[in-house]
Structure formats: structure tokens, C-alpha cells
């Protein structure tokens, strides 16, 4: 593990950042919010925050998520200085940004980096739902776009983990513009023959779903992830009808052709490695 990655991960651990909860002894019992079962915290950690009883996937932080798939010592973070400001002087927004930065140790709700998976060099990013629900600010859109352009420049395969509540409305139209900007960047990347693997985690909604999260050449998702534009309750209230069972969940979307596969967290690194080998995407050694 690189010194930069080790220091950042230790910082996040010390700030209770992996799940946004306070540290607890390994023997402490946890209760699954999905099945209600109880188990030792140690078992949850060993299972990568997947319920050992029912397979429910707990939300996890972006740095931890990347550490699960990247080879040790290969993480190199990009664009660390990019952060949101308050372009519209929205009441209370600056204070909430400061709170989010202190709580998570992050500057923005997206971590972008280069690294290797089984020796294969990649450009990779992960949204973090603990920072404004991974909502798309102007800075977050910039980070996505710059990562795509980096992957294009160095001919690297691109992997993005999405977890978002949609657009960050405190930035108004500047937030909504990121849908077009990120989509255009991916179109240019695709025309150059780039490989883009999109991994949808719980939840992926709103403008992120309507832009870069849905544009992958290969679409993967974690089990049970909520994926959609408007939420199911909003849709039901709008159309005045009851939605089908499991609507907008990963399993429903796989059945209806929106996804290529549902991959449990414990199998994701191996799946990504197989896909990279299948497509022969090794990248340029000139990349950082």
C-alpha cells in the first residue's frame, strides 16, 4: 500500500469514516437492517461489510471500496484539490460543506485515482454517499470529466462506482449541467475505443443515473442496489399506481436488460480482472 493511500485510509479510519459509525470492539454484536439477524462485528468486517446471514450490502466509504479492488501499493489519487464552493450563495450551504469535510475527511463526494487490478492499470473512481449523498456538484462533475479525459489520454480502461442521491440542488443549474458534461466526455472516450465499466451501488439515483452511471460499456451492480431516476414513492404518487415488486432494484433491472450482471462485493475484484483481461486493456505505462 502506498504511503499516500495508507495515510489517507488511516485518517478515514480514525474519523469513523468507513461506515459513518463509531468504532466498536470485534466481539460487539451487529444487527442487520435487512434481515434483523445478529452476528459479531468481526464477521461483518471479514465479509467486507456484507451481512453473513442474508447477503445485505452495507454502504461503505469510497477509499475503502477502492482498497477492495486495487492491488496494494498502486493507488494514486488524482485531483485532490478539487472541491465544491458556494456559487449561488445558497443559505447554509457553506456550513454544510464544512461539516461534510470534517465528518468524512474528504474534499468532495468522489475519489478518483489510478491503480492496478491484477497488474492491469486502470483509471478508477468511487462516489461516497456520506458526502452530501454523493450528489453531483460542479466539482464532482469536473472530477468525473477529468478522470474520463485522463483515461482517454493514457488509453486506460475506466471504472466508476456510483452511489448518489442525484443532483446537488444547492448549486442549481451548475449541478444539472454536469449531466451533459460528463456524458459528452464519455462519448469522446467511447469514440476513441475506450472501455468503461460502470458499477452501480446502493443507492444510485437522479442525475447520476441519468448520465454517466448508465453509460457503461459493461453495466454491473451490487445485489439489492436501488437504481433509478425518481424514487419509487415519488413515481407511485405521480402515476397513482402500485409499482411491481422489487421495482428499481438491481435484480429487477437485470431481468429487464438494464444490467449485464449483479456481482457480490466479495467477487467484484475477480470479475473486474476477468473483464479487463477479456478486453486486453492494459493501458500506458506513462500514466501516473
C-alpha atoms as a PDB file:
ATOM      1  CA  UNK A   1       0.000   0.000   0.000  1.00  0.00           C
ATOM      2  CA  UNK A   2       1.429   3.402  -0.940  1.00  0.00           C
ATOM      3  CA  UNK A   3       2.280   5.878   1.816  1.00  0.00           C
ATOM      4  CA  UNK A   4      -0.334   8.312   0.489  1.00  0.00           C
ATOM      5  CA  UNK A   5      -3.043   5.671   0.429  1.00  0.00           C
ATOM      6  CA  UNK A   6      -2.043   4.300   3.843  1.00  0.00           C
ATOM      7  CA  UNK A   7      -2.078   7.739   5.428  1.00  0.00           C
ATOM      8  CA  UNK A   8      -5.429   8.659   3.895  1.00  0.00           C
ATOM      9  CA  UNK A   9      -7.032   5.345   4.838  1.00  0.00           C
ATOM     10  CA  UNK A  10      -5.730   5.632   8.416  1.00  0.00           C
ATOM     11  CA  UNK A  11      -7.134   9.155   8.578  1.00  0.00           C
ATOM     12  CA  UNK A  12     -10.524   7.926   7.464  1.00  0.00           C
ATOM     13  CA  UNK A  13     -10.479   5.041   9.907  1.00  0.00           C
ATOM     14  CA  UNK A  14      -9.645   7.396  12.767  1.00  0.00           C
ATOM     15  CA  UNK A  15     -12.538   9.663  11.716  1.00  0.00           C
ATOM     16  CA  UNK A  16     -15.057   6.791  11.801  1.00  0.00           C
ATOM     17  CA  UNK A  17     -15.380   7.096   8.047  1.00  0.00           C
ATOM     18  CA  UNK A  18     -15.830   3.609   6.651  1.00  0.00           C
ATOM     19  CA  UNK A  19     -19.471   3.415   7.601  1.00  0.00           C
ATOM     20  CA  UNK A  20     -20.092   6.664   9.420  1.00  0.00           C
ATOM     21  CA  UNK A  21     -20.462   4.874  12.741  1.00  0.00           C
ATOM     22  CA  UNK A  22     -18.322   4.765  15.844  1.00  0.00           C
ATOM     23  CA  UNK A  23     -15.654   2.069  16.197  1.00  0.00           C
ATOM     24  CA  UNK A  24     -16.697  -0.972  18.181  1.00  0.00           C
ATOM     25  CA  UNK A  25     -14.838  -3.984  19.577  1.00  0.00           C
ATOM     26  CA  UNK A  26     -14.655  -7.008  17.288  1.00  0.00           C
ATOM     27  CA  UNK A  27     -16.907  -9.038  19.567  1.00  0.00           C
ATOM     28  CA  UNK A  28     -19.710  -6.421  19.529  1.00  0.00           C
ATOM     29  CA  UNK A  29     -22.948  -7.693  18.047  1.00  0.00           C
ATOM     30  CA  UNK A  30     -24.383  -6.115  14.907  1.00  0.00           C
ATOM     31  CA  UNK A  31     -27.990  -6.279  13.752  1.00  0.00           C
ATOM     32  CA  UNK A  32     -28.636  -6.444  10.019  1.00  0.00           C
ATOM     33  CA  UNK A  33     -31.133  -3.783   8.869  1.00  0.00           C
ATOM     34  CA  UNK A  34     -32.333  -6.144   6.131  1.00  0.00           C
ATOM     35  CA  UNK A  35     -32.947  -9.487   7.862  1.00  0.00           C
ATOM     36  CA  UNK A  36     -32.780  -8.474  11.524  1.00  0.00           C
ATOM     37  CA  UNK A  37     -30.218 -11.169  12.267  1.00  0.00           C
ATOM     38  CA  UNK A  38     -27.378 -10.640  14.719  1.00  0.00           C
ATOM     39  CA  UNK A  39     -23.722 -11.526  14.341  1.00  0.00           C
ATOM     40  CA  UNK A  40     -20.299 -10.430  15.558  1.00  0.00           C
ATOM     41  CA  UNK A  41     -18.891  -7.224  14.139  1.00  0.00           C
ATOM     42  CA  UNK A  42     -15.739  -9.149  13.295  1.00  0.00           C
ATOM     43  CA  UNK A  43     -17.749 -11.381  10.959  1.00  0.00           C
ATOM     44  CA  UNK A  44     -19.194  -8.312   9.215  1.00  0.00           C
ATOM     45  CA  UNK A  45     -15.756  -6.785   8.710  1.00  0.00           C
ATOM     46  CA  UNK A  46     -14.315 -10.054   7.420  1.00  0.00           C
ATOM     47  CA  UNK A  47     -17.215 -10.253   4.945  1.00  0.00           C
ATOM     48  CA  UNK A  48     -16.405  -6.733   3.632  1.00  0.00           C
ATOM     49  CA  UNK A  49     -19.500  -5.268   5.241  1.00  0.00           C
ATOM     50  CA  UNK A  50     -21.842  -7.795   3.691  1.00  0.00           C
ATOM     51  CA  UNK A  51     -24.321  -9.441   6.078  1.00  0.00           C
ATOM     52  CA  UNK A  52     -23.082 -13.025   6.663  1.00  0.00           C
ATOM     53  CA  UNK A  53     -26.685 -14.183   7.074  1.00  0.00           C
ATOM     54  CA  UNK A  54     -28.637 -12.645   4.177  1.00  0.00           C
ATOM     55  CA  UNK A  55     -26.024 -11.001   1.948  1.00  0.00           C
ATOM     56  CA  UNK A  56     -27.224  -7.432   2.523  1.00  0.00           C
ATOM     57  CA  UNK A  57     -24.559  -4.999   1.287  1.00  0.00           C
ATOM     58  CA  UNK A  58     -23.841  -2.224   3.761  1.00  0.00           C
ATOM     59  CA  UNK A  59     -22.816   1.197   2.373  1.00  0.00           C
ATOM     60  CA  UNK A  60     -19.041   1.719   2.519  1.00  0.00           C
ATOM     61  CA  UNK A  61     -16.697   4.663   2.006  1.00  0.00           C
ATOM     62  CA  UNK A  62     -15.012   5.420  -1.298  1.00  0.00           C
ATOM     63  CA  UNK A  63     -11.435   4.826  -0.118  1.00  0.00           C
ATOM     64  CA  UNK A  64     -12.352   1.503   1.441  1.00  0.00           C
ATOM     65  CA  UNK A  65     -14.224   0.465  -1.701  1.00  0.00           C
ATOM     66  CA  UNK A  66     -11.205   1.190  -3.878  1.00  0.00           C
ATOM     67  CA  UNK A  67      -8.918  -0.684  -1.493  1.00  0.00           C
ATOM     68  CA  UNK A  68     -11.039  -3.804  -2.041  1.00  0.00           C
ATOM     69  CA  UNK A  69     -10.359  -3.938  -5.787  1.00  0.00           C
ATOM     70  CA  UNK A  70      -6.958  -2.310  -6.356  1.00  0.00           C
ATOM     71  CA  UNK A  71      -3.611  -4.047  -5.979  1.00  0.00           C
ATOM     72  CA  UNK A  72      -1.808  -2.985  -2.819  1.00  0.00           C
ATOM     73  CA  UNK A  73       0.597  -0.125  -3.300  1.00  0.00           C
ATOM     74  CA  UNK A  74      -0.823   1.015  -6.645  1.00  0.00           C
ATOM     75  CA  UNK A  75      -3.380   3.649  -5.531  1.00  0.00           C
ATOM     76  CA  UNK A  76      -2.506   7.142  -6.819  1.00  0.00           C
ATOM     77  CA  UNK A  77      -5.192   9.742  -6.136  1.00  0.00           C
ATOM     78  CA  UNK A  78      -5.994  12.398  -8.733  1.00  0.00           C
ATOM     79  CA  UNK A  79      -7.371  15.945  -8.421  1.00  0.00           C
ATOM     80  CA  UNK A  80      -7.325  16.049  -4.632  1.00  0.00           C
ATOM     81  CA  UNK A  81      -7.695  19.832  -4.556  1.00  0.00           C
ATOM     82  CA  UNK A  82     -10.987  19.971  -6.470  1.00  0.00           C
ATOM     83  CA  UNK A  83     -13.744  20.896  -4.051  1.00  0.00           C
ATOM     84  CA  UNK A  84     -17.179  22.486  -4.059  1.00  0.00           C
ATOM     85  CA  UNK A  85     -17.726  26.155  -3.330  1.00  0.00           C
ATOM     86  CA  UNK A  86     -20.961  28.101  -2.923  1.00  0.00           C
ATOM     87  CA  UNK A  87     -21.558  29.632  -6.384  1.00  0.00           C
ATOM     88  CA  UNK A  88     -25.145  30.708  -5.661  1.00  0.00           C
ATOM     89  CA  UNK A  89     -24.593  31.800  -2.032  1.00  0.00           C
ATOM     90  CA  UNK A  90     -27.241  29.253  -1.075  1.00  0.00           C
ATOM     91  CA  UNK A  91     -28.289  29.717   2.579  1.00  0.00           C
ATOM     92  CA  UNK A  92     -26.422  27.329   4.873  1.00  0.00           C
ATOM     93  CA  UNK A  93     -24.586  25.520   2.070  1.00  0.00           C
ATOM     94  CA  UNK A  94     -21.051  26.619   3.007  1.00  0.00           C
ATOM     95  CA  UNK A  95     -21.541  25.489   6.599  1.00  0.00           C
ATOM     96  CA  UNK A  96     -22.865  22.116   5.482  1.00  0.00           C
ATOM     97  CA  UNK A  97     -19.892  21.672   3.154  1.00  0.00           C
ATOM     98  CA  UNK A  98     -17.530  22.319   6.046  1.00  0.00           C
ATOM     99  CA  UNK A  99     -19.391  19.788   8.174  1.00  0.00           C
ATOM    100  CA  UNK A 100     -19.207  17.170   5.432  1.00  0.00           C
ATOM    101  CA  UNK A 101     -15.460  17.724   5.005  1.00  0.00           C
ATOM    102  CA  UNK A 102     -14.811  17.398   8.730  1.00  0.00           C
ATOM    103  CA  UNK A 103     -17.032  14.333   9.090  1.00  0.00           C
ATOM    104  CA  UNK A 104     -15.593  12.386   6.153  1.00  0.00           C
ATOM    105  CA  UNK A 105     -12.067  13.766   5.713  1.00  0.00           C
ATOM    106  CA  UNK A 106     -12.900  14.294   2.037  1.00  0.00           C
ATOM    107  CA  UNK A 107     -12.957  17.434  -0.114  1.00  0.00           C
ATOM    108  CA  UNK A 108     -15.740  16.168  -2.380  1.00  0.00           C
ATOM    109  CA  UNK A 109     -18.079  13.199  -2.735  1.00  0.00           C
ATOM    110  CA  UNK A 110     -15.908  11.438  -5.328  1.00  0.00           C
ATOM    111  CA  UNK A 111     -12.446   9.891  -5.131  1.00  0.00           C
ATOM    112  CA  UNK A 112     -10.610   9.486  -8.454  1.00  0.00           C
ATOM    113  CA  UNK A 113      -7.345   7.643  -8.903  1.00  0.00           C
ATOM    114  CA  UNK A 114      -5.161   5.388 -10.983  1.00  0.00           C
ATOM    115  CA  UNK A 115      -4.164   1.929  -9.867  1.00  0.00           C
ATOM    116  CA  UNK A 116      -3.820  -1.660 -10.934  1.00  0.00           C
ATOM    117  CA  UNK A 117      -6.119  -4.655 -10.746  1.00  0.00           C
ATOM    118  CA  UNK A 118      -4.138  -7.861 -11.089  1.00  0.00           C
ATOM    119  CA  UNK A 119      -1.386  -5.802 -12.703  1.00  0.00           C
ATOM    120  CA  UNK A 120      -3.780  -4.173 -15.183  1.00  0.00           C
ATOM    121  CA  UNK A 121      -3.572  -0.378 -14.997  1.00  0.00           C
ATOM    122  CA  UNK A 122      -6.910   1.446 -14.693  1.00  0.00           C
ATOM    123  CA  UNK A 123      -8.435   4.875 -14.146  1.00  0.00           C
ATOM    124  CA  UNK A 124     -10.953   4.470 -11.353  1.00  0.00           C
ATOM    125  CA  UNK A 125     -13.369   6.490  -9.267  1.00  0.00           C
ATOM    126  CA  UNK A 126     -15.883   5.934  -6.480  1.00  0.00           C
ATOM    127  CA  UNK A 127     -18.672   8.148  -5.211  1.00  0.00           C
ATOM    128  CA  UNK A 128     -19.210   8.308  -1.459  1.00  0.00           C
ATOM    129  CA  UNK A 129     -22.780   8.589  -0.204  1.00  0.00           C
ATOM    130  CA  UNK A 130     -21.599  10.021   3.139  1.00  0.00           C
ATOM    131  CA  UNK A 131     -20.669  13.320   1.435  1.00  0.00           C
ATOM    132  CA  UNK A 132     -23.968  15.031   0.528  1.00  0.00           C
ATOM    133  CA  UNK A 133     -25.320  11.619  -0.544  1.00  0.00           C
ATOM    134  CA  UNK A 134     -22.790  11.541  -3.391  1.00  0.00           C
ATOM    135  CA  UNK A 135     -24.785  14.280  -5.092  1.00  0.00           C
ATOM    136  CA  UNK A 136     -23.399  15.800  -8.282  1.00  0.00           C
ATOM    137  CA  UNK A 137     -21.892  19.227  -7.726  1.00  0.00           C
ATOM    138  CA  UNK A 138     -19.921  21.200 -10.290  1.00  0.00           C
ATOM    139  CA  UNK A 139     -16.696  19.983  -8.662  1.00  0.00           C
ATOM    140  CA  UNK A 140     -17.827  16.363  -8.728  1.00  0.00           C
ATOM    141  CA  UNK A 141     -18.737  16.683 -12.408  1.00  0.00           C
ATOM    142  CA  UNK A 142     -15.299  18.176 -13.053  1.00  0.00           C
ATOM    143  CA  UNK A 143     -13.637  15.240 -11.311  1.00  0.00           C
ATOM    144  CA  UNK A 144     -15.600  12.705 -13.368  1.00  0.00           C
ATOM    145  CA  UNK A 145     -14.797  14.546 -16.600  1.00  0.00           C
ATOM    146  CA  UNK A 146     -11.101  14.882 -15.766  1.00  0.00           C
ATOM    147  CA  UNK A 147     -10.902  11.176 -14.921  1.00  0.00           C
ATOM    148  CA  UNK A 148     -12.502  10.248 -18.252  1.00  0.00           C
ATOM    149  CA  UNK A 149     -10.092  12.546 -20.092  1.00  0.00           C
ATOM    150  CA  UNK A 150      -7.166  11.062 -18.172  1.00  0.00           C
ATOM    151  CA  UNK A 151      -8.265   7.557 -19.179  1.00  0.00           C
ATOM    152  CA  UNK A 152      -8.537   8.719 -22.803  1.00  0.00           C
ATOM    153  CA  UNK A 153      -5.107  10.368 -22.772  1.00  0.00           C
ATOM    154  CA  UNK A 154      -3.308   7.332 -21.399  1.00  0.00           C
ATOM    155  CA  UNK A 155      -5.552   4.717 -23.055  1.00  0.00           C
ATOM    156  CA  UNK A 156      -6.655   3.249 -19.737  1.00  0.00           C
ATOM    157  CA  UNK A 157      -9.843   1.326 -19.041  1.00  0.00           C
ATOM    158  CA  UNK A 158     -12.235   3.356 -16.902  1.00  0.00           C
ATOM    159  CA  UNK A 159     -14.133   2.060 -13.859  1.00  0.00           C
ATOM    160  CA  UNK A 160     -16.646   4.166 -11.927  1.00  0.00           C
ATOM    161  CA  UNK A 161     -18.553   3.144  -8.773  1.00  0.00           C
ATOM    162  CA  UNK A 162     -21.744   5.157  -8.422  1.00  0.00           C
ATOM    163  CA  UNK A 163     -23.609   5.872  -5.180  1.00  0.00           C
ATOM    164  CA  UNK A 164     -25.677   9.034  -5.339  1.00  0.00           C
ATOM    165  CA  UNK A 165     -28.859  10.820  -4.447  1.00  0.00           C
ATOM    166  CA  UNK A 166     -28.749  12.832  -7.685  1.00  0.00           C
ATOM    167  CA  UNK A 167     -28.003  16.486  -8.413  1.00  0.00           C
ATOM    168  CA  UNK A 168     -26.850  18.867  -5.668  1.00  0.00           C
ATOM    169  CA  UNK A 169     -29.603  21.405  -5.893  1.00  0.00           C
ATOM    170  CA  UNK A 170     -27.747  23.990  -3.774  1.00  0.00           C
ATOM    171  CA  UNK A 171     -25.760  24.624  -6.968  1.00  0.00           C
ATOM    172  CA  UNK A 172     -28.805  24.857  -9.216  1.00  0.00           C
ATOM    173  CA  UNK A 173     -28.244  24.732 -12.982  1.00  0.00           C
ATOM    174  CA  UNK A 174     -24.475  24.369 -12.452  1.00  0.00           C
ATOM    175  CA  UNK A 175     -25.172  20.965 -10.951  1.00  0.00           C
ATOM    176  CA  UNK A 176     -27.573  19.911 -13.700  1.00  0.00           C
ATOM    177  CA  UNK A 177     -25.058  20.915 -16.380  1.00  0.00           C
ATOM    178  CA  UNK A 178     -22.743  18.144 -15.158  1.00  0.00           C
ATOM    179  CA  UNK A 179     -25.064  15.543 -16.699  1.00  0.00           C
ATOM    180  CA  UNK A 180     -24.299  16.844 -20.192  1.00  0.00           C
ATOM    181  CA  UNK A 181     -20.618  17.486 -19.482  1.00  0.00           C
ATOM    182  CA  UNK A 182     -19.857  14.001 -18.143  1.00  0.00           C
ATOM    183  CA  UNK A 183     -21.913  12.334 -20.862  1.00  0.00           C
ATOM    184  CA  UNK A 184     -20.071  14.265 -23.586  1.00  0.00           C
ATOM    185  CA  UNK A 185     -16.713  13.274 -22.114  1.00  0.00           C
ATOM    186  CA  UNK A 186     -17.747   9.620 -22.147  1.00  0.00           C
ATOM    187  CA  UNK A 187     -18.914   9.905 -25.751  1.00  0.00           C
ATOM    188  CA  UNK A 188     -15.474  11.176 -26.776  1.00  0.00           C
ATOM    189  CA  UNK A 189     -13.860   8.399 -24.752  1.00  0.00           C
ATOM    190  CA  UNK A 190     -16.052   5.795 -26.441  1.00  0.00           C
ATOM    191  CA  UNK A 191     -15.239   7.096 -29.920  1.00  0.00           C
ATOM    192  CA  UNK A 192     -11.548   6.552 -29.147  1.00  0.00           C
ATOM    193  CA  UNK A 193     -12.271   2.923 -28.288  1.00  0.00           C
ATOM    194  CA  UNK A 194     -12.115   3.275 -24.509  1.00  0.00           C
ATOM    195  CA  UNK A 195     -13.583   0.643 -22.209  1.00  0.00           C
ATOM    196  CA  UNK A 196     -15.899   1.946 -19.488  1.00  0.00           C
ATOM    197  CA  UNK A 197     -17.163  -0.362 -16.717  1.00  0.00           C
ATOM    198  CA  UNK A 198     -19.922   1.181 -14.602  1.00  0.00           C
ATOM    199  CA  UNK A 199     -20.640  -0.353 -11.192  1.00  0.00           C
ATOM    200  CA  UNK A 200     -23.896   0.752  -9.538  1.00  0.00           C
ATOM    201  CA  UNK A 201     -24.172   0.539  -5.755  1.00  0.00           C
ATOM    202  CA  UNK A 202     -26.924   1.431  -3.309  1.00  0.00           C
ATOM    203  CA  UNK A 203     -28.380   3.923  -3.996  1.00  0.00           C
ATOM    204  CA  UNK A 204     -27.745   5.281  -7.497  1.00  0.00           C
ATOM    205  CA  UNK A 205     -30.457   7.778  -8.379  1.00  0.00           C
ATOM    206  CA  UNK A 206     -31.274  11.109 -10.015  1.00  0.00           C
ATOM    207  CA  UNK A 207     -28.930  12.919 -12.370  1.00  0.00           C
ATOM    208  CA  UNK A 208     -26.070  10.467 -11.843  1.00  0.00           C
ATOM    209  CA  UNK A 209     -28.287   7.620 -13.064  1.00  0.00           C
ATOM    210  CA  UNK A 210     -29.429   9.797 -15.963  1.00  0.00           C
ATOM    211  CA  UNK A 211     -25.855  10.480 -17.072  1.00  0.00           C
ATOM    212  CA  UNK A 212     -22.502   8.769 -16.535  1.00  0.00           C
ATOM    213  CA  UNK A 213     -23.706   5.897 -14.326  1.00  0.00           C
ATOM    214  CA  UNK A 214     -25.864   4.488 -17.136  1.00  0.00           C
ATOM    215  CA  UNK A 215     -23.379   4.856 -19.990  1.00  0.00           C
ATOM    216  CA  UNK A 216     -21.042   1.954 -19.273  1.00  0.00           C
ATOM    217  CA  UNK A 217     -19.970  -0.458 -21.983  1.00  0.00           C
ATOM    218  CA  UNK A 218     -20.415  -3.030 -19.220  1.00  0.00           C
ATOM    219  CA  UNK A 219     -23.029  -2.412 -16.522  1.00  0.00           C
ATOM    220  CA  UNK A 220     -22.568  -4.126 -13.147  1.00  0.00           C
ATOM    221  CA  UNK A 221     -24.380  -3.678  -9.838  1.00  0.00           C
ATOM    222  CA  UNK A 222     -24.195  -4.846  -6.260  1.00  0.00           C
ATOM    223  CA  UNK A 223     -27.071  -7.052  -5.041  1.00  0.00           C
ATOM    224  CA  UNK A 224     -30.157  -5.175  -3.876  1.00  0.00           C
ATOM    225  CA  UNK A 225     -28.969  -1.759  -5.055  1.00  0.00           C
ATOM    226  CA  UNK A 226     -31.692   0.847  -5.630  1.00  0.00           C
ATOM    227  CA  UNK A 227     -31.184   2.250  -9.141  1.00  0.00           C
ATOM    228  CA  UNK A 228     -33.431   4.784 -10.823  1.00  0.00           C
ATOM    229  CA  UNK A 229     -34.165   8.432 -11.532  1.00  0.00           C
ATOM    230  CA  UNK A 230     -37.078   9.377  -9.271  1.00  0.00           C
ATOM    231  CA  UNK A 231     -37.672   7.250  -6.194  1.00  0.00           C
ATOM    232  CA  UNK A 232     -40.404   4.596  -6.150  1.00  0.00           C
ATOM    233  CA  UNK A 233     -42.618   6.542  -3.744  1.00  0.00           C
ATOM    234  CA  UNK A 234     -42.477   9.631  -5.976  1.00  0.00           C
ATOM    235  CA  UNK A 235     -43.383   7.527  -9.016  1.00  0.00           C
ATOM    236  CA  UNK A 236     -46.299   5.862  -7.231  1.00  0.00           C
ATOM    237  CA  UNK A 237     -47.665   9.216  -6.101  1.00  0.00           C
ATOM    238  CA  UNK A 238     -47.280  10.628  -9.620  1.00  0.00           C
ATOM    239  CA  UNK A 239     -48.919   7.814 -11.581  1.00  0.00           C
ATOM    240  CA  UNK A 240     -51.369   6.760  -8.867  1.00  0.00           C
ATOM    241  CA  UNK A 241     -50.470   3.087  -9.214  1.00  0.00           C
ATOM    242  CA  UNK A 242     -48.638   0.471  -7.193  1.00  0.00           C
ATOM    243  CA  UNK A 243     -45.252  -0.451  -8.662  1.00  0.00           C
ATOM    244  CA  UNK A 244     -44.178  -4.056  -9.313  1.00  0.00           C
ATOM    245  CA  UNK A 245     -42.421  -5.949  -6.541  1.00  0.00           C
ATOM    246  CA  UNK A 246     -38.710  -5.137  -6.458  1.00  0.00           C
ATOM    247  CA  UNK A 247     -39.083  -2.256  -8.915  1.00  0.00           C
ATOM    248  CA  UNK A 248     -35.819  -0.299  -9.391  1.00  0.00           C
ATOM    249  CA  UNK A 249     -33.774  -2.883  -7.522  1.00  0.00           C
ATOM    250  CA  UNK A 250     -30.724  -4.384  -9.224  1.00  0.00           C
ATOM    251  CA  UNK A 251     -32.385  -7.777  -9.666  1.00  0.00           C
ATOM    252  CA  UNK A 252     -35.404  -6.231 -11.412  1.00  0.00           C
ATOM    253  CA  UNK A 253     -33.170  -4.192 -13.710  1.00  0.00           C
ATOM    254  CA  UNK A 254     -31.062  -7.223 -14.610  1.00  0.00           C
ATOM    255  CA  UNK A 255     -34.220  -9.132 -15.525  1.00  0.00           C
ATOM    256  CA  UNK A 256     -35.312  -6.256 -17.777  1.00  0.00           C
ATOM    257  CA  UNK A 257     -31.999  -5.835 -19.582  1.00  0.00           C
ATOM    258  CA  UNK A 258     -30.591  -2.697 -17.951  1.00  0.00           C
ATOM    259  CA  UNK A 259     -27.663  -4.512 -16.327  1.00  0.00           C
ATOM    260  CA  UNK A 260     -25.176  -7.064 -17.587  1.00  0.00           C
ATOM    261  CA  UNK A 261     -24.558  -8.724 -14.224  1.00  0.00           C
ATOM    262  CA  UNK A 262     -25.078  -8.465 -10.477  1.00  0.00           C
ATOM    263  CA  UNK A 263     -21.811  -9.075  -8.673  1.00  0.00           C
ATOM    264  CA  UNK A 264     -21.464  -9.530  -4.894  1.00  0.00           C
ATOM    265  CA  UNK A 265     -18.801  -7.354  -3.311  1.00  0.00           C
ATOM    266  CA  UNK A 266     -16.641 -10.339  -2.432  1.00  0.00           C
ATOM    267  CA  UNK A 267     -16.472 -11.341  -6.121  1.00  0.00           C
ATOM    268  CA  UNK A 268     -16.085  -7.906  -7.692  1.00  0.00           C
ATOM    269  CA  UNK A 269     -12.301  -7.707  -7.893  1.00  0.00           C
ATOM    270  CA  UNK A 270     -12.091 -11.081  -9.667  1.00  0.00           C
ATOM    271  CA  UNK A 271     -14.907 -10.080 -12.020  1.00  0.00           C
ATOM    272  CA  UNK A 272     -13.220  -6.803 -12.942  1.00  0.00           C
ATOM    273  CA  UNK A 273      -9.935  -8.586 -13.534  1.00  0.00           C
ATOM    274  CA  UNK A 274     -11.614 -11.105 -15.851  1.00  0.00           C
ATOM    275  CA  UNK A 275     -13.286  -8.310 -17.823  1.00  0.00           C
ATOM    276  CA  UNK A 276     -10.031  -6.382 -18.184  1.00  0.00           C
ATOM    277  CA  UNK A 277      -8.212  -9.466 -19.405  1.00  0.00           C
ATOM    278  CA  UNK A 278     -11.034 -10.294 -21.801  1.00  0.00           C
ATOM    279  CA  UNK A 279     -10.801  -6.848 -23.369  1.00  0.00           C
ATOM    280  CA  UNK A 280      -6.998  -6.740 -23.306  1.00  0.00           C
ATOM    281  CA  UNK A 281      -6.911  -3.311 -21.674  1.00  0.00           C
ATOM    282  CA  UNK A 282      -3.507  -2.834 -20.074  1.00  0.00           C
ATOM    283  CA  UNK A 283      -3.053   0.922 -20.558  1.00  0.00           C
ATOM    284  CA  UNK A 284       0.006   3.100 -20.967  1.00  0.00           C
ATOM    285  CA  UNK A 285       2.971   2.960 -18.626  1.00  0.00           C
ATOM    286  CA  UNK A 286       3.228   6.759 -18.978  1.00  0.00           C
ATOM    287  CA  UNK A 287       0.214   7.121 -16.680  1.00  0.00           C
ATOM    288  CA  UNK A 288       0.956   8.058 -13.099  1.00  0.00           C
END
